[in-house]
Amino acid sequence: MDFDWHSDPITRATPVTRHYKNTQNVRRFMLEHCGPGFKFDRPFMAWIRNDVPKTLGDVVDEWRRRHEEARA
């Protein structure tokens, strides 16, 4: 059985599966780890689903990297 993106607990170690969805559960996790400025945008969502294996920790780190560069 695949991961339920709507209700299963998410950690930094949670793998992004081919059934990944940008759910409220994921948004809560990302807000907790990235802060109140977190938002999904199309380029970032495409990166999440680019078929390169990653975890939600990688997703958090990439969002932070993109937004630190934007502030620099």
PDB file of N, CA and C in Angstrom:
ATOM      1  N   MET A   1       0.845  -1.186   0.000  1.00  0.00           N
ATOM      2  CA  MET A   1       0.000   0.000   0.000  1.00  0.00           C
ATOM      3  C   MET A   1       0.887   1.246   0.000  1.00  0.00           C
ATOM      4  N   ASP A   2       0.533   2.219  -0.813  1.00  0.00           N
ATOM      5  CA  ASP A   2       1.315   3.438  -0.940  1.00  0.00           C
ATOM      6  C   ASP A   2       1.009   4.398   0.203  1.00  0.00           C
ATOM      7  N   PHE A   3       1.855   5.358   0.355  1.00  0.00           N
ATOM      8  CA  PHE A   3       1.736   6.382   1.385  1.00  0.00           C
ATOM      9  C   PHE A   3       0.471   7.208   1.163  1.00  0.00           C
ATOM     10  N   ASP A   4      -0.254   7.524   2.233  1.00  0.00           N
ATOM     11  CA  ASP A   4      -1.443   8.388   2.146  1.00  0.00           C
ATOM     12  C   ASP A   4      -1.007   9.813   2.465  1.00  0.00           C
ATOM     13  N   TRP A   5      -0.871  10.620   1.421  1.00  0.00           N
ATOM     14  CA  TRP A   5      -0.380  11.992   1.573  1.00  0.00           C
ATOM     15  C   TRP A   5      -1.363  12.874   2.331  1.00  0.00           C
ATOM     16  N   HIS A   6      -2.602  12.437   2.455  1.00  0.00           N
ATOM     17  CA  HIS A   6      -3.608  13.224   3.174  1.00  0.00           C
ATOM     18  C   HIS A   6      -3.532  13.039   4.681  1.00  0.00           C
ATOM     19  N   SER A   7      -3.124  11.848   5.135  1.00  0.00           N
ATOM     20  CA  SER A   7      -3.233  11.607   6.572  1.00  0.00           C
ATOM     21  C   SER A   7      -2.047  10.916   7.232  1.00  0.00           C
ATOM     22  N   ASP A   8      -1.179  10.263   6.483  1.00  0.00           N
ATOM     23  CA  ASP A   8      -0.049   9.590   7.119  1.00  0.00           C
ATOM     24  C   ASP A   8       0.923  10.615   7.689  1.00  0.00           C
ATOM     25  N   PRO A   9       1.594  10.267   8.799  1.00  0.00           N
ATOM     26  CA  PRO A   9       2.579  11.192   9.379  1.00  0.00           C
ATOM     27  C   PRO A   9       3.748  11.410   8.413  1.00  0.00           C
ATOM     28  N   ILE A  10       4.180  12.658   8.318  1.00  0.00           N
ATOM     29  CA  ILE A  10       5.287  13.029   7.429  1.00  0.00           C
ATOM     30  C   ILE A  10       6.493  13.402   8.279  1.00  0.00           C
ATOM     31  N   THR A  11       7.661  12.912   7.861  1.00  0.00           N
ATOM     32  CA  THR A  11       8.926  13.294   8.480  1.00  0.00           C
ATOM     33  C   THR A  11       9.879  13.709   7.374  1.00  0.00           C
ATOM     34  N   ARG A  12      11.049  14.202   7.758  1.00  0.00           N
ATOM     35  CA  ARG A  12      12.067  14.538   6.762  1.00  0.00           C
ATOM     36  C   ARG A  12      12.508  13.307   5.979  1.00  0.00           C
ATOM     37  N   ALA A  13      12.348  12.128   6.548  1.00  0.00           N
ATOM     38  CA  ALA A  13      12.763  10.887   5.881  1.00  0.00           C
ATOM     39  C   ALA A  13      11.687  10.308   4.957  1.00  0.00           C
ATOM     40  N   THR A  14      10.502  10.902   4.917  1.00  0.00           N
ATOM     41  CA  THR A  14       9.420  10.392   4.077  1.00  0.00           C
ATOM     42  C   THR A  14       9.827  10.495   2.606  1.00  0.00           C
ATOM     43  N   PRO A  15       9.842   9.363   1.883  1.00  0.00           N
ATOM     44  CA  PRO A  15      10.204   9.428   0.461  1.00  0.00           C
ATOM     45  C   PRO A  15       9.080  10.034  -0.375  1.00  0.00           C
ATOM     46  N   VAL A  16       9.474  10.787  -1.382  1.00  0.00           N
ATOM     47  CA  VAL A  16       8.515  11.320  -2.351  1.00  0.00           C
ATOM     48  C   VAL A  16       8.262  10.194  -3.352  1.00  0.00           C
ATOM     49  N   THR A  17       7.045   9.683  -3.358  1.00  0.00           N
ATOM     50  CA  THR A  17       6.685   8.571  -4.232  1.00  0.00           C
ATOM     51  C   THR A  17       6.085   9.090  -5.531  1.00  0.00           C
ATOM     52  N   ARG A  18       5.854   8.164  -6.452  1.00  0.00           N
ATOM     53  CA  ARG A  18       5.239   8.578  -7.721  1.00  0.00           C
ATOM     54  C   ARG A  18       3.793   9.020  -7.520  1.00  0.00           C
ATOM     55  N   HIS A  19       3.225   8.730  -6.346  1.00  0.00           N
ATOM     56  CA  HIS A  19       1.852   9.137  -6.033  1.00  0.00           C
ATOM     57  C   HIS A  19       1.811  10.390  -5.150  1.00  0.00           C
ATOM     58  N   TYR A  20       2.936  11.092  -5.069  1.00  0.00           N
ATOM     59  CA  TYR A  20       3.022  12.310  -4.245  1.00  0.00           C
ATOM     60  C   TYR A  20       1.917  13.284  -4.616  1.00  0.00           C
ATOM     61  N   LYS A  21       1.360  13.947  -3.596  1.00  0.00           N
ATOM     62  CA  LYS A  21       0.349  14.993  -3.808  1.00  0.00           C
ATOM     63  C   LYS A  21       0.649  16.166  -2.878  1.00  0.00           C
ATOM     64  N   ASN A  22       0.415  17.374  -3.365  1.00  0.00           N
ATOM     65  CA  ASN A  22       0.552  18.587  -2.551  1.00  0.00           C
ATOM     66  C   ASN A  22      -0.720  18.739  -1.721  1.00  0.00           C
ATOM     67  N   THR A  23      -0.790  18.028  -0.610  1.00  0.00           N
ATOM     68  CA  THR A  23      -1.981  18.035   0.239  1.00  0.00           C
ATOM     69  C   THR A  23      -1.825  19.040   1.375  1.00  0.00           C
ATOM     70  N   GLN A  24      -2.898  19.246   2.118  1.00  0.00           N
ATOM     71  CA  GLN A  24      -2.818  20.100   3.310  1.00  0.00           C
ATOM     72  C   GLN A  24      -1.841  19.508   4.326  1.00  0.00           C
ATOM     73  N   ASN A  25      -1.755  18.202   4.387  1.00  0.00           N
ATOM     74  CA  ASN A  25      -0.802  17.534   5.272  1.00  0.00           C
ATOM     75  C   ASN A  25       0.636  17.933   4.902  1.00  0.00           C
ATOM     76  N   VAL A  26       0.950  17.930   3.613  1.00  0.00           N
ATOM     77  CA  VAL A  26       2.282  18.329   3.150  1.00  0.00           C
ATOM     78  C   VAL A  26       2.492  19.821   3.414  1.00  0.00           C
ATOM     79  N   ARG A  27       1.491  20.638   3.139  1.00  0.00           N
ATOM     80  CA  ARG A  27       1.619  22.083   3.381  1.00  0.00           C
ATOM     81  C   ARG A  27       1.907  22.381   4.851  1.00  0.00           C
ATOM     82  N   ARG A  28       1.224  21.683   5.761  1.00  0.00           N
ATOM     83  CA  ARG A  28       1.487  21.870   7.195  1.00  0.00           C
ATOM     84  C   ARG A  28       2.935  21.510   7.532  1.00  0.00           C
ATOM     85  N   PHE A  29       3.401  20.391   6.995  1.00  0.00           N
ATOM     86  CA  PHE A  29       4.782  19.961   7.225  1.00  0.00           C
ATOM     87  C   PHE A  29       5.756  21.013   6.699  1.00  0.00           C
ATOM     88  N   MET A  30       5.523  21.496   5.483  1.00  0.00           N
ATOM     89  CA  MET A  30       6.430  22.476   4.881  1.00  0.00           C
ATOM     90  C   MET A  30       6.405  23.797   5.651  1.00  0.00           C
ATOM     91  N   LEU A  31       5.248  24.245   6.075  1.00  0.00           N
ATOM     92  CA  LEU A  31       5.164  25.467   6.878  1.00  0.00           C
ATOM     93  C   LEU A  31       5.930  25.315   8.186  1.00  0.00           C
ATOM     94  N   GLU A  32       5.819  24.147   8.796  1.00  0.00           N
ATOM     95  CA  GLU A  32       6.532  23.887  10.051  1.00  0.00           C
ATOM     96  C   GLU A  32       8.046  23.956   9.862  1.00  0.00           C
ATOM     97  N   HIS A  33       8.534  23.460   8.723  1.00  0.00           N
ATOM     98  CA  HIS A  33       9.978  23.380   8.498  1.00  0.00           C
ATOM     99  C   HIS A  33      10.557  24.559   7.720  1.00  0.00           C
ATOM    100  N   CYS A  34       9.728  25.279   6.994  1.00  0.00           N
ATOM    101  CA  CYS A  34      10.220  26.392   6.164  1.00  0.00           C
ATOM    102  C   CYS A  34       9.762  27.752   6.667  1.00  0.00           C
ATOM    103  N   GLY A  35       8.765  27.777   7.537  1.00  0.00           N
ATOM    104  CA  GLY A  35       8.281  29.037   8.068  1.00  0.00           C
ATOM    105  C   GLY A  35       7.059  29.549   7.344  1.00  0.00           C
ATOM    106  N   PRO A  36       6.508  30.659   7.844  1.00  0.00           N
ATOM    107  CA  PRO A  36       5.240  31.175   7.326  1.00  0.00           C
ATOM    108  C   PRO A  36       5.317  31.702   5.893  1.00  0.00           C
ATOM    109  N   GLY A  37       6.513  31.917   5.369  1.00  0.00           N
ATOM    110  CA  GLY A  37       6.646  32.376   3.986  1.00  0.00           C
ATOM    111  C   GLY A  37       6.562  31.262   2.961  1.00  0.00           C
ATOM    112  N   PHE A  38       6.398  30.022   3.416  1.00  0.00           N
ATOM    113  CA  PHE A  38       6.364  28.907   2.474  1.00  0.00           C
ATOM    114  C   PHE A  38       5.165  28.989   1.553  1.00  0.00           C
ATOM    115  N   LYS A  39       5.423  28.756   0.257  1.00  0.00           N
ATOM    116  CA  LYS A  39       4.373  28.628  -0.762  1.00  0.00           C
ATOM    117  C   LYS A  39       4.876  27.666  -1.822  1.00  0.00           C
ATOM    118  N   PHE A  40       3.953  26.904  -2.399  1.00  0.00           N
ATOM    119  CA  PHE A  40       4.282  26.116  -3.576  1.00  0.00           C
ATOM    120  C   PHE A  40       4.201  27.026  -4.791  1.00  0.00           C
ATOM    121  N   ASP A  41       5.132  26.867  -5.731  1.00  0.00           N
ATOM    122  CA  ASP A  41       4.998  27.512  -7.035  1.00  0.00           C
ATOM    123  C   ASP A  41       5.242  26.442  -8.096  1.00  0.00           C
ATOM    124  N   ARG A  42       4.893  26.739  -9.322  1.00  0.00           N
ATOM    125  CA  ARG A  42       4.974  25.720 -10.375  1.00  0.00           C
ATOM    126  C   ARG A  42       6.373  25.167 -10.592  1.00  0.00           C
ATOM    127  N   PRO A  43       7.421  26.002 -10.661  1.00  0.00           N
ATOM    128  CA  PRO A  43       8.759  25.427 -10.848  1.00  0.00           C
ATOM    129  C   PRO A  43       9.164  24.504  -9.692  1.00  0.00           C
ATOM    130  N   PHE A  44       8.810  24.876  -8.472  1.00  0.00           N
ATOM    131  CA  PHE A  44       9.153  24.051  -7.317  1.00  0.00           C
ATOM    132  C   PHE A  44       8.360  22.743  -7.343  1.00  0.00           C
ATOM    133  N   MET A  45       7.082  22.803  -7.675  1.00  0.00           N
ATOM    134  CA  MET A  45       6.275  21.582  -7.755  1.00  0.00           C
ATOM    135  C   MET A  45       6.817  20.661  -8.853  1.00  0.00           C
ATOM    136  N   ALA A  46       7.273  21.235  -9.974  1.00  0.00           N
ATOM    137  CA  ALA A  46       7.869  20.417 -11.037  1.00  0.00           C
ATOM    138  C   ALA A  46       9.146  19.753 -10.538  1.00  0.00           C
ATOM    139  N   TRP A  47       9.952  20.480  -9.764  1.00  0.00           N
ATOM    140  CA  TRP A  47      11.176  19.897  -9.213  1.00  0.00           C
ATOM    141  C   TRP A  47      10.840  18.730  -8.285  1.00  0.00           C
ATOM    142  N   ILE A  48       9.819  18.876  -7.454  1.00  0.00           N
ATOM    143  CA  ILE A  48       9.434  17.798  -6.536  1.00  0.00           C
ATOM    144  C   ILE A  48       9.098  16.532  -7.319  1.00  0.00           C
ATOM    145  N   ARG A  49       8.417  16.686  -8.439  1.00  0.00           N
ATOM    146  CA  ARG A  49       7.921  15.533  -9.197  1.00  0.00           C
ATOM    147  C   ARG A  49       8.807  15.176 -10.390  1.00  0.00           C
ATOM    148  N   ASN A  50      10.087  15.510 -10.363  1.00  0.00           N
ATOM    149  CA  ASN A  50      10.963  15.306 -11.525  1.00  0.00           C
ATOM    150  C   ASN A  50      11.524  13.896 -11.669  1.00  0.00           C
ATOM    151  N   ASP A  51      11.012  12.937 -10.928  1.00  0.00           N
ATOM    152  CA  ASP A  51      11.424  11.531 -10.990  1.00  0.00           C
ATOM    153  C   ASP A  51      12.824  11.264 -10.450  1.00  0.00           C
ATOM    154  N   VAL A  52      13.460  12.236  -9.819  1.00  0.00           N
ATOM    155  CA  VAL A  52      14.716  12.011  -9.122  1.00  0.00           C
ATOM    156  C   VAL A  52      14.360  11.635  -7.687  1.00  0.00           C
ATOM    157  N   PRO A  53      14.863  10.486  -7.182  1.00  0.00           N
ATOM    158  CA  PRO A  53      14.507  10.087  -5.813  1.00  0.00           C
ATOM    159  C   PRO A  53      14.872  11.162  -4.794  1.00  0.00           C
ATOM    160  N   LYS A  54      13.929  11.420  -3.883  1.00  0.00           N
ATOM    161  CA  LYS A  54      14.166  12.427  -2.841  1.00  0.00           C
ATOM    162  C   LYS A  54      13.243  12.161  -1.672  1.00  0.00           C
ATOM    163  N   THR A  55      13.533  12.807  -0.565  1.00  0.00           N
ATOM    164  CA  THR A  55      12.692  12.731   0.628  1.00  0.00           C
ATOM    165  C   THR A  55      12.078  14.105   0.871  1.00  0.00           C
ATOM    166  N   LEU A  56      11.147  14.164   1.820  1.00  0.00           N
ATOM    167  CA  LEU A  56      10.587  15.462   2.186  1.00  0.00           C
ATOM    168  C   LEU A  56      11.653  16.355   2.812  1.00  0.00           C
ATOM    169  N   GLY A  57      12.670  15.784   3.420  1.00  0.00           N
ATOM    170  CA  GLY A  57      13.797  16.575   3.914  1.00  0.00           C
ATOM    171  C   GLY A  57      14.523  17.261   2.774  1.00  0.00           C
ATOM    172  N   ASP A  58      14.713  16.552   1.661  1.00  0.00           N
ATOM    173  CA  ASP A  58      15.329  17.159   0.474  1.00  0.00           C
ATOM    174  C   ASP A  58      14.465  18.295  -0.062  1.00  0.00           C
ATOM    175  N   VAL A  59      13.148  18.100  -0.009  1.00  0.00           N
ATOM    176  CA  VAL A  59      12.211  19.125  -0.487  1.00  0.00           C
ATOM    177  C   VAL A  59      12.325  20.378   0.379  1.00  0.00           C
ATOM    178  N   VAL A  60      12.362  20.200   1.688  1.00  0.00           N
ATOM    179  CA  VAL A  60      12.534  21.335   2.603  1.00  0.00           C
ATOM    180  C   VAL A  60      13.852  22.055   2.301  1.00  0.00           C
ATOM    181  N   ASP A  61      14.934  21.292   2.186  1.00  0.00           N
ATOM    182  CA  ASP A  61      16.244  21.883   1.940  1.00  0.00           C
ATOM    183  C   ASP A  61      16.291  22.650   0.632  1.00  0.00           C
ATOM    184  N   GLU A  62      15.653  22.105  -0.410  1.00  0.00           N
ATOM    185  CA  GLU A  62      15.637  22.787  -1.708  1.00  0.00           C
ATOM    186  C   GLU A  62      14.821  24.072  -1.641  1.00  0.00           C
ATOM    187  N   TRP A  63      13.681  24.049  -0.955  1.00  0.00           N
ATOM    188  CA  TRP A  63      12.892  25.279  -0.840  1.00  0.00           C
ATOM    189  C   TRP A  63      13.698  26.356  -0.123  1.00  0.00           C
ATOM    190  N   ARG A  64      14.350  25.954   0.971  1.00  0.00           N
ATOM    191  CA  ARG A  64      15.176  26.915   1.719  1.00  0.00           C
ATOM    192  C   ARG A  64      16.308  27.452   0.852  1.00  0.00           C
ATOM    193  N   ARG A  65      16.960  26.560   0.082  1.00  0.00           N
ATOM    194  CA  ARG A  65      18.060  26.993  -0.792  1.00  0.00           C
ATOM    195  C   ARG A  65      17.552  28.020  -1.808  1.00  0.00           C
ATOM    196  N   ARG A  66      16.431  27.740  -2.431  1.00  0.00           N
ATOM    197  CA  ARG A  66      15.894  28.666  -3.438  1.00  0.00           C
ATOM    198  C   ARG A  66      15.534  30.011  -2.837  1.00  0.00           C
ATOM    199  N   HIS A  67      15.047  30.011  -1.618  1.00  0.00           N
ATOM    200  CA  HIS A  67      14.602  31.270  -1.016  1.00  0.00           C
ATOM    201  C   HIS A  67      15.719  32.011  -0.312  1.00  0.00           C
ATOM    202  N   GLU A  68      16.768  31.336   0.078  1.00  0.00           N
ATOM    203  CA  GLU A  68      17.962  32.024   0.597  1.00  0.00           C
ATOM    204  C   GLU A  68      18.658  32.739  -0.555  1.00  0.00           C
ATOM    205  N   GLU A  69      18.744  32.079  -1.718  1.00  0.00           N
ATOM    206  CA  GLU A  69      19.365  32.704  -2.898  1.00  0.00           C
ATOM    207  C   GLU A  69      18.566  33.932  -3.330  1.00  0.00           C
ATOM    208  N   ALA A  70      17.249  33.852  -3.241  1.00  0.00           N
ATOM    209  CA  ALA A  70      16.401  34.976  -3.657  1.00  0.00           C
ATOM    210  C   ALA A  70      16.617  36.187  -2.755  1.00  0.00           C
ATOM    211  N   ARG A  71      16.935  35.943  -1.466  1.00  0.00           N
ATOM    212  CA  ARG A  71      17.156  37.042  -0.530  1.00  0.00           C
ATOM    213  C   ARG A  71      18.561  37.612  -0.614  1.00  0.00           C
ATOM    214  N   ALA A  72      19.488  36.832  -1.158  1.00  0.00           N
ATOM    215  CA  ALA A  72      20.896  37.274  -1.203  1.00  0.00           C
ATOM    216  C   ALA A  72      21.135  38.291  -2.281  1.00  0.00           C
TER     217      ALA A  72
END
